[in-house]
């Protein structure tokens, strides 16, 4: 990769993915595991959106729209548990 910043983000995405696989193996209950995996999903989604889709350089409207979408999506899922 040309930029080491992207490599760090890629490695962190891989670590978050492996961490979510380990959460599945824990015996902590369905609701707790779902909440943890959802939080990891939000971090991965925002990492991909802001770094690889270059949302960091976008207008404030698009940044806030993505963050509001992630918060609404996670809230709806957590309320449904």
PDB file of N, CA and C in Angstrom:
ATOM      1  N   UNK A   1       0.837  -1.166   0.000  1.00  0.00           N
ATOM      2  CA  UNK A   1       0.000   0.000   0.000  1.00  0.00           C
ATOM      3  C   UNK A   1       0.886   1.235   0.000  1.00  0.00           C
ATOM      4  N   UNK A   2       0.400   2.261  -0.629  1.00  0.00           N
ATOM      5  CA  UNK A   2       1.187   3.480  -0.755  1.00  0.00           C
ATOM      6  C   UNK A   2       1.282   4.245   0.559  1.00  0.00           C
ATOM      7  N   UNK A   3       0.211   4.271   1.314  1.00  0.00           N
ATOM      8  CA  UNK A   3       0.171   5.057   2.523  1.00  0.00           C
ATOM      9  C   UNK A   3       0.139   4.127   3.733  1.00  0.00           C
ATOM     10  N   UNK A   4       1.062   4.283   4.691  1.00  0.00           N
ATOM     11  CA  UNK A   4       1.044   3.391   5.859  1.00  0.00           C
ATOM     12  C   UNK A   4      -0.174   3.593   6.744  1.00  0.00           C
ATOM     13  N   UNK A   5      -0.849   4.747   6.614  1.00  0.00           N
ATOM     14  CA  UNK A   5      -2.063   4.985   7.386  1.00  0.00           C
ATOM     15  C   UNK A   5      -3.138   3.972   7.006  1.00  0.00           C
ATOM     16  N   UNK A   6      -3.253   3.693   5.709  1.00  0.00           N
ATOM     17  CA  UNK A   6      -4.244   2.721   5.256  1.00  0.00           C
ATOM     18  C   UNK A   6      -3.890   1.319   5.716  1.00  0.00           C
ATOM     19  N   UNK A   7      -2.610   1.029   5.793  1.00  0.00           N
ATOM     20  CA  UNK A   7      -2.196  -0.284   6.265  1.00  0.00           C
ATOM     21  C   UNK A   7      -2.566  -0.464   7.732  1.00  0.00           C
ATOM     22  N   UNK A   8      -2.409   0.585   8.530  1.00  0.00           N
ATOM     23  CA  UNK A   8      -2.793   0.514   9.944  1.00  0.00           C
ATOM     24  C   UNK A   8      -4.290   0.299  10.087  1.00  0.00           C
ATOM     25  N   UNK A   9      -5.065   0.977   9.265  1.00  0.00           N
ATOM     26  CA  UNK A   9      -6.517   0.809   9.319  1.00  0.00           C
ATOM     27  C   UNK A   9      -6.897  -0.598   8.876  1.00  0.00           C
ATOM     28  N   UNK A  10      -6.241  -1.108   7.852  1.00  0.00           N
ATOM     29  CA  UNK A  10      -6.516  -2.463   7.387  1.00  0.00           C
ATOM     30  C   UNK A  10      -6.200  -3.492   8.461  1.00  0.00           C
ATOM     31  N   UNK A  11      -5.075  -3.331   9.141  1.00  0.00           N
ATOM     32  CA  UNK A  11      -4.709  -4.251  10.214  1.00  0.00           C
ATOM     33  C   UNK A  11      -5.707  -4.149  11.366  1.00  0.00           C
ATOM     34  N   UNK A  12      -6.139  -2.944  11.689  1.00  0.00           N
ATOM     35  CA  UNK A  12      -7.123  -2.806  12.762  1.00  0.00           C
ATOM     36  C   UNK A  12      -8.464  -3.424  12.371  1.00  0.00           C
ATOM     37  N   UNK A  13      -8.847  -3.335  11.096  1.00  0.00           N
ATOM     38  CA  UNK A  13     -10.074  -3.996  10.646  1.00  0.00           C
ATOM     39  C   UNK A  13      -9.966  -5.509  10.755  1.00  0.00           C
ATOM     40  N   UNK A  14      -8.824  -6.040  10.420  1.00  0.00           N
ATOM     41  CA  UNK A  14      -8.617  -7.480  10.561  1.00  0.00           C
ATOM     42  C   UNK A  14      -8.654  -7.904  12.022  1.00  0.00           C
ATOM     43  N   UNK A  15      -8.057  -7.107  12.901  1.00  0.00           N
ATOM     44  CA  UNK A  15      -8.075  -7.427  14.329  1.00  0.00           C
ATOM     45  C   UNK A  15      -9.496  -7.374  14.873  1.00  0.00           C
ATOM     46  N   UNK A  16     -10.274  -6.377  14.460  1.00  0.00           N
ATOM     47  CA  UNK A  16     -11.670  -6.292  14.901  1.00  0.00           C
ATOM     48  C   UNK A  16     -12.493  -7.466  14.397  1.00  0.00           C
ATOM     49  N   UNK A  17     -12.209  -7.931  13.199  1.00  0.00           N
ATOM     50  CA  UNK A  17     -12.914  -9.100  12.666  1.00  0.00           C
ATOM     51  C   UNK A  17     -12.573 -10.354  13.456  1.00  0.00           C
ATOM     52  N   UNK A  18     -11.318 -10.539  13.765  1.00  0.00           N
ATOM     53  CA  UNK A  18     -10.898 -11.700  14.560  1.00  0.00           C
ATOM     54  C   UNK A  18     -11.470 -11.605  15.968  1.00  0.00           C
ATOM     55  N   UNK A  19     -11.508 -10.400  16.523  1.00  0.00           N
ATOM     56  CA  UNK A  19     -12.078 -10.200  17.846  1.00  0.00           C
ATOM     57  C   UNK A  19     -13.562 -10.543  17.871  1.00  0.00           C
ATOM     58  N   UNK A  20     -14.281 -10.202  16.816  1.00  0.00           N
ATOM     59  CA  UNK A  20     -15.705 -10.551  16.766  1.00  0.00           C
ATOM     60  C   UNK A  20     -15.900 -12.063  16.655  1.00  0.00           C
ATOM     61  N   UNK A  21     -14.966 -12.752  16.021  1.00  0.00           N
ATOM     62  CA  UNK A  21     -15.057 -14.210  15.970  1.00  0.00           C
ATOM     63  C   UNK A  21     -14.821 -14.815  17.348  1.00  0.00           C
ATOM     64  N   UNK A  22     -13.938 -14.215  18.131  1.00  0.00           N
ATOM     65  CA  UNK A  22     -13.703 -14.709  19.483  1.00  0.00           C
ATOM     66  C   UNK A  22     -14.886 -14.424  20.404  1.00  0.00           C
ATOM     67  N   UNK A  23     -15.593 -13.331  20.169  1.00  0.00           N
ATOM     68  CA  UNK A  23     -16.762 -13.002  20.988  1.00  0.00           C
ATOM     69  C   UNK A  23     -17.839 -14.057  20.803  1.00  0.00           C
ATOM     70  N   UNK A  24     -17.956 -14.589  19.608  1.00  0.00           N
ATOM     71  CA  UNK A  24     -18.957 -15.621  19.337  1.00  0.00           C
ATOM     72  C   UNK A  24     -18.679 -16.872  20.169  1.00  0.00           C
ATOM     73  N   UNK A  25     -17.409 -17.155  20.364  1.00  0.00           N
ATOM     74  CA  UNK A  25     -17.035 -18.369  21.087  1.00  0.00           C
ATOM     75  C   UNK A  25     -17.216 -18.243  22.599  1.00  0.00           C
ATOM     76  N   UNK A  26     -17.360 -17.032  23.123  1.00  0.00           N
ATOM     77  CA  UNK A  26     -17.539 -16.833  24.558  1.00  0.00           C
ATOM     78  C   UNK A  26     -18.947 -17.225  24.973  1.00  0.00           C
ATOM     79  N   UNK A  27     -19.085 -17.633  26.211  1.00  0.00           N
ATOM     80  CA  UNK A  27     -20.404 -17.982  26.746  1.00  0.00           C
ATOM     81  C   UNK A  27     -20.926 -16.818  27.585  1.00  0.00           C
ATOM     82  N   UNK A  28     -21.258 -15.726  26.932  1.00  0.00           N
ATOM     83  CA  UNK A  28     -21.709 -14.546  27.660  1.00  0.00           C
ATOM     84  C   UNK A  28     -23.176 -14.228  27.408  1.00  0.00           C
ATOM     85  N   UNK A  29     -23.837 -15.009  26.657  1.00  0.00           N
ATOM     86  CA  UNK A  29     -25.246 -14.766  26.366  1.00  0.00           C
ATOM     87  C   UNK A  29     -25.430 -14.107  25.013  1.00  0.00           C
ATOM     88  N   UNK A  30     -26.596 -14.311  24.465  1.00  0.00           N
ATOM     89  CA  UNK A  30     -26.890 -13.834  23.118  1.00  0.00           C
ATOM     90  C   UNK A  30     -26.941 -12.316  23.041  1.00  0.00           C
ATOM     91  N   UNK A  31     -27.596 -11.677  24.016  1.00  0.00           N
ATOM     92  CA  UNK A  31     -27.745 -10.224  23.959  1.00  0.00           C
ATOM     93  C   UNK A  31     -26.412  -9.508  24.127  1.00  0.00           C
ATOM     94  N   UNK A  32     -25.597  -9.959  25.054  1.00  0.00           N
ATOM     95  CA  UNK A  32     -24.302  -9.316  25.276  1.00  0.00           C
ATOM     96  C   UNK A  32     -23.384  -9.524  24.073  1.00  0.00           C
ATOM     97  N   UNK A  33     -23.367 -10.735  23.540  1.00  0.00           N
ATOM     98  CA  UNK A  33     -22.531 -11.008  22.373  1.00  0.00           C
ATOM     99  C   UNK A  33     -23.000 -10.200  21.170  1.00  0.00           C
ATOM    100  N   UNK A  34     -24.305 -10.079  21.001  1.00  0.00           N
ATOM    101  CA  UNK A  34     -24.840  -9.293  19.886  1.00  0.00           C
ATOM    102  C   UNK A  34     -24.474  -7.818  20.019  1.00  0.00           C
ATOM    103  N   UNK A  35     -24.526  -7.298  21.236  1.00  0.00           N
ATOM    104  CA  UNK A  35     -24.180  -5.894  21.452  1.00  0.00           C
ATOM    105  C   UNK A  35     -22.701  -5.643  21.179  1.00  0.00           C
ATOM    106  N   UNK A  36     -21.849  -6.553  21.604  1.00  0.00           N
ATOM    107  CA  UNK A  36     -20.410  -6.409  21.373  1.00  0.00           C
ATOM    108  C   UNK A  36     -20.092  -6.504  19.883  1.00  0.00           C
ATOM    109  N   UNK A  37     -20.687  -7.464  19.213  1.00  0.00           N
ATOM    110  CA  UNK A  37     -20.442  -7.624  17.781  1.00  0.00           C
ATOM    111  C   UNK A  37     -20.974  -6.423  17.010  1.00  0.00           C
ATOM    112  N   UNK A  38     -22.100  -5.872  17.431  1.00  0.00           N
ATOM    113  CA  UNK A  38     -22.642  -4.687  16.787  1.00  0.00           C
ATOM    114  C   UNK A  38     -21.722  -3.484  16.980  1.00  0.00           C
ATOM    115  N   UNK A  39     -21.141  -3.340  18.158  1.00  0.00           N
ATOM    116  CA  UNK A  39     -20.192  -2.243  18.397  1.00  0.00           C
ATOM    117  C   UNK A  39     -18.950  -2.407  17.529  1.00  0.00           C
ATOM    118  N   UNK A  40     -18.482  -3.632  17.382  1.00  0.00           N
ATOM    119  CA  UNK A  40     -17.334  -3.882  16.514  1.00  0.00           C
ATOM    120  C   UNK A  40     -17.680  -3.602  15.057  1.00  0.00           C
ATOM    121  N   UNK A  41     -18.905  -3.945  14.670  1.00  0.00           N
ATOM    122  CA  UNK A  41     -19.367  -3.644  13.317  1.00  0.00           C
ATOM    123  C   UNK A  41     -19.367  -2.145  13.059  1.00  0.00           C
ATOM    124  N   UNK A  42     -19.837  -1.375  14.039  1.00  0.00           N
ATOM    125  CA  UNK A  42     -19.882   0.070  13.856  1.00  0.00           C
ATOM    126  C   UNK A  42     -18.476   0.634  13.662  1.00  0.00           C
ATOM    127  N   UNK A  43     -17.525   0.159  14.434  1.00  0.00           N
ATOM    128  CA  UNK A  43     -16.146   0.624  14.278  1.00  0.00           C
ATOM    129  C   UNK A  43     -15.583   0.256  12.913  1.00  0.00           C
ATOM    130  N   UNK A  44     -15.858  -0.972  12.478  1.00  0.00           N
ATOM    131  CA  UNK A  44     -15.355  -1.388  11.164  1.00  0.00           C
ATOM    132  C   UNK A  44     -16.015  -0.604  10.037  1.00  0.00           C
ATOM    133  N   UNK A  45     -17.305  -0.394  10.133  1.00  0.00           N
ATOM    134  CA  UNK A  45     -18.028   0.348   9.104  1.00  0.00           C
ATOM    135  C   UNK A  45     -17.496   1.772   8.996  1.00  0.00           C
ATOM    136  N   UNK A  46     -17.306   2.430  10.139  1.00  0.00           N
ATOM    137  CA  UNK A  46     -16.799   3.795  10.115  1.00  0.00           C
ATOM    138  C   UNK A  46     -15.358   3.846   9.631  1.00  0.00           C
ATOM    139  N   UNK A  47     -14.563   2.833   9.955  1.00  0.00           N
ATOM    140  CA  UNK A  47     -13.194   2.785   9.453  1.00  0.00           C
ATOM    141  C   UNK A  47     -13.138   2.667   7.945  1.00  0.00           C
ATOM    142  N   UNK A  48     -13.961   1.809   7.402  1.00  0.00           N
ATOM    143  CA  UNK A  48     -14.005   1.650   5.945  1.00  0.00           C
ATOM    144  C   UNK A  48     -14.543   2.912   5.280  1.00  0.00           C
ATOM    145  N   UNK A  49     -15.593   3.478   5.849  1.00  0.00           N
ATOM    146  CA  UNK A  49     -16.205   4.656   5.236  1.00  0.00           C
ATOM    147  C   UNK A  49     -15.270   5.859   5.258  1.00  0.00           C
ATOM    148  N   UNK A  50     -14.618   6.081   6.371  1.00  0.00           N
ATOM    149  CA  UNK A  50     -13.821   7.294   6.483  1.00  0.00           C
ATOM    150  C   UNK A  50     -12.446   7.168   5.844  1.00  0.00           C
ATOM    151  N   UNK A  51     -11.875   5.989   5.810  1.00  0.00           N
ATOM    152  CA  UNK A  51     -10.527   5.866   5.268  1.00  0.00           C
ATOM    153  C   UNK A  51     -10.503   5.358   3.831  1.00  0.00           C
ATOM    154  N   UNK A  52     -11.195   4.257   3.562  1.00  0.00           N
ATOM    155  CA  UNK A  52     -11.099   3.664   2.239  1.00  0.00           C
ATOM    156  C   UNK A  52     -12.050   4.308   1.237  1.00  0.00           C
ATOM    157  N   UNK A  53     -13.177   4.837   1.706  1.00  0.00           N
ATOM    158  CA  UNK A  53     -14.084   5.553   0.816  1.00  0.00           C
ATOM    159  C   UNK A  53     -13.803   7.053   0.843  1.00  0.00           C
ATOM    160  N   UNK A  54     -12.794   7.435   1.593  1.00  0.00           N
ATOM    161  CA  UNK A  54     -12.323   8.811   1.735  1.00  0.00           C
ATOM    162  C   UNK A  54     -13.440   9.776   2.114  1.00  0.00           C
ATOM    163  N   UNK A  55     -14.219   9.364   3.077  1.00  0.00           N
ATOM    164  CA  UNK A  55     -15.275  10.218   3.589  1.00  0.00           C
ATOM    165  C   UNK A  55     -14.702  11.338   4.455  1.00  0.00           C
ATOM    166  N   UNK A  56     -13.442  11.194   4.858  1.00  0.00           N
ATOM    167  CA  UNK A  56     -12.798  12.241   5.648  1.00  0.00           C
ATOM    168  C   UNK A  56     -12.720  13.554   4.874  1.00  0.00           C
ATOM    169  N   UNK A  57     -12.641  13.460   3.568  1.00  0.00           N
ATOM    170  CA  UNK A  57     -12.523  14.654   2.724  1.00  0.00           C
ATOM    171  C   UNK A  57     -13.879  15.153   2.218  1.00  0.00           C
ATOM    172  N   UNK A  58     -14.942  14.462   2.592  1.00  0.00           N
ATOM    173  CA  UNK A  58     -16.267  14.813   2.094  1.00  0.00           C
ATOM    174  C   UNK A  58     -16.861  15.978   2.885  1.00  0.00           C
ATOM    175  N   UNK A  59     -17.996  16.440   2.411  1.00  0.00           N
ATOM    176  CA  UNK A  59     -18.719  17.521   3.069  1.00  0.00           C
ATOM    177  C   UNK A  59     -19.227  17.047   4.427  1.00  0.00           C
ATOM    178  N   UNK A  60     -19.424  17.985   5.332  1.00  0.00           N
ATOM    179  CA  UNK A  60     -19.875  17.667   6.682  1.00  0.00           C
ATOM    180  C   UNK A  60     -21.229  16.965   6.661  1.00  0.00           C
ATOM    181  N   UNK A  61     -22.066  17.295   5.700  1.00  0.00           N
ATOM    182  CA  UNK A  61     -23.374  16.647   5.587  1.00  0.00           C
ATOM    183  C   UNK A  61     -23.227  15.147   5.409  1.00  0.00           C
ATOM    184  N   UNK A  62     -22.316  14.708   4.546  1.00  0.00           N
ATOM    185  CA  UNK A  62     -22.159  13.284   4.275  1.00  0.00           C
ATOM    186  C   UNK A  62     -21.523  12.572   5.471  1.00  0.00           C
ATOM    187  N   UNK A  63     -20.625  13.229   6.142  1.00  0.00           N
ATOM    188  CA  UNK A  63     -20.028  12.645   7.345  1.00  0.00           C
ATOM    189  C   UNK A  63     -21.087  12.424   8.413  1.00  0.00           C
ATOM    190  N   UNK A  64     -21.879  13.447   8.650  1.00  0.00           N
ATOM    191  CA  UNK A  64     -22.918  13.326   9.671  1.00  0.00           C
ATOM    192  C   UNK A  64     -24.002  12.344   9.249  1.00  0.00           C
ATOM    193  N   UNK A  65     -24.312  12.276   7.960  1.00  0.00           N
ATOM    194  CA  UNK A  65     -25.324  11.323   7.487  1.00  0.00           C
ATOM    195  C   UNK A  65     -24.890   9.890   7.738  1.00  0.00           C
ATOM    196  N   UNK A  66     -23.632   9.583   7.504  1.00  0.00           N
ATOM    197  CA  UNK A  66     -23.138   8.228   7.742  1.00  0.00           C
ATOM    198  C   UNK A  66     -23.136   7.913   9.231  1.00  0.00           C
ATOM    199  N   UNK A  67     -22.713   8.844  10.048  1.00  0.00           N
ATOM    200  CA  UNK A  67     -22.689   8.608  11.496  1.00  0.00           C
ATOM    201  C   UNK A  67     -24.101   8.450  12.040  1.00  0.00           C
ATOM    202  N   UNK A  68     -25.038   9.273  11.578  1.00  0.00           N
ATOM    203  CA  UNK A  68     -26.429   9.153  12.026  1.00  0.00           C
ATOM    204  C   UNK A  68     -27.021   7.825  11.570  1.00  0.00           C
ATOM    205  N   UNK A  69     -26.707   7.396  10.350  1.00  0.00           N
ATOM    206  CA  UNK A  69     -27.187   6.099   9.871  1.00  0.00           C
ATOM    207  C   UNK A  69     -26.688   4.968  10.760  1.00  0.00           C
ATOM    208  N   UNK A  70     -25.413   4.987  11.097  1.00  0.00           N
ATOM    209  CA  UNK A  70     -24.849   3.919  11.931  1.00  0.00           C
ATOM    210  C   UNK A  70     -25.491   3.933  13.318  1.00  0.00           C
ATOM    211  N   UNK A  71     -25.684   5.103  13.885  1.00  0.00           N
ATOM    212  CA  UNK A  71     -26.306   5.181  15.202  1.00  0.00           C
ATOM    213  C   UNK A  71     -27.764   4.724  15.171  1.00  0.00           C
ATOM    214  N   UNK A  72     -28.513   5.132  14.156  1.00  0.00           N
ATOM    215  CA  UNK A  72     -29.910   4.692  14.051  1.00  0.00           C
ATOM    216  C   UNK A  72     -30.009   3.182  13.822  1.00  0.00           C
ATOM    217  N   UNK A  73     -29.160   2.674  12.946  1.00  0.00           N
ATOM    218  CA  UNK A  73     -29.179   1.242  12.670  1.00  0.00           C
ATOM    219  C   UNK A  73     -28.876   0.436  13.924  1.00  0.00           C
ATOM    220  N   UNK A  74     -27.841   0.826  14.649  1.00  0.00           N
ATOM    221  CA  UNK A  74     -27.472   0.077  15.845  1.00  0.00           C
ATOM    222  C   UNK A  74     -28.528   0.216  16.936  1.00  0.00           C
ATOM    223  N   UNK A  75     -29.156   1.386  17.047  1.00  0.00           N
ATOM    224  CA  UNK A  75     -30.204   1.575  18.043  1.00  0.00           C
ATOM    225  C   UNK A  75     -31.407   0.693  17.733  1.00  0.00           C
ATOM    226  N   UNK A  76     -31.796   0.637  16.477  1.00  0.00           N
ATOM    227  CA  UNK A  76     -32.936  -0.202  16.091  1.00  0.00           C
ATOM    228  C   UNK A  76     -32.632  -1.672  16.378  1.00  0.00           C
ATOM    229  N   UNK A  77     -31.437  -2.106  16.068  1.00  0.00           N
ATOM    230  CA  UNK A  77     -31.072  -3.508  16.321  1.00  0.00           C
ATOM    231  C   UNK A  77     -31.032  -3.799  17.811  1.00  0.00           C
ATOM    232  N   UNK A  78     -30.440  -2.903  18.599  1.00  0.00           N
ATOM    233  CA  UNK A  78     -30.337  -3.146  20.040  1.00  0.00           C
ATOM    234  C   UNK A  78     -31.696  -3.113  20.730  1.00  0.00           C
ATOM    235  N   UNK A  79     -32.603  -2.269  20.267  1.00  0.00           N
ATOM    236  CA  UNK A  79     -33.939  -2.240  20.843  1.00  0.00           C
ATOM    237  C   UNK A  79     -34.688  -3.535  20.512  1.00  0.00           C
ATOM    238  N   UNK A  80     -34.414  -4.098  19.371  1.00  0.00           N
ATOM    239  CA  UNK A  80     -35.084  -5.335  18.954  1.00  0.00           C
ATOM    240  C   UNK A  80     -34.590  -6.573  19.679  1.00  0.00           C
ATOM    241  N   UNK A  81     -33.469  -6.466  20.380  1.00  0.00           N
ATOM    242  CA  UNK A  81     -32.964  -7.661  21.095  1.00  0.00           C
ATOM    243  C   UNK A  81     -33.793  -7.971  22.269  1.00  0.00           C
TER     244      UNK A  81
END
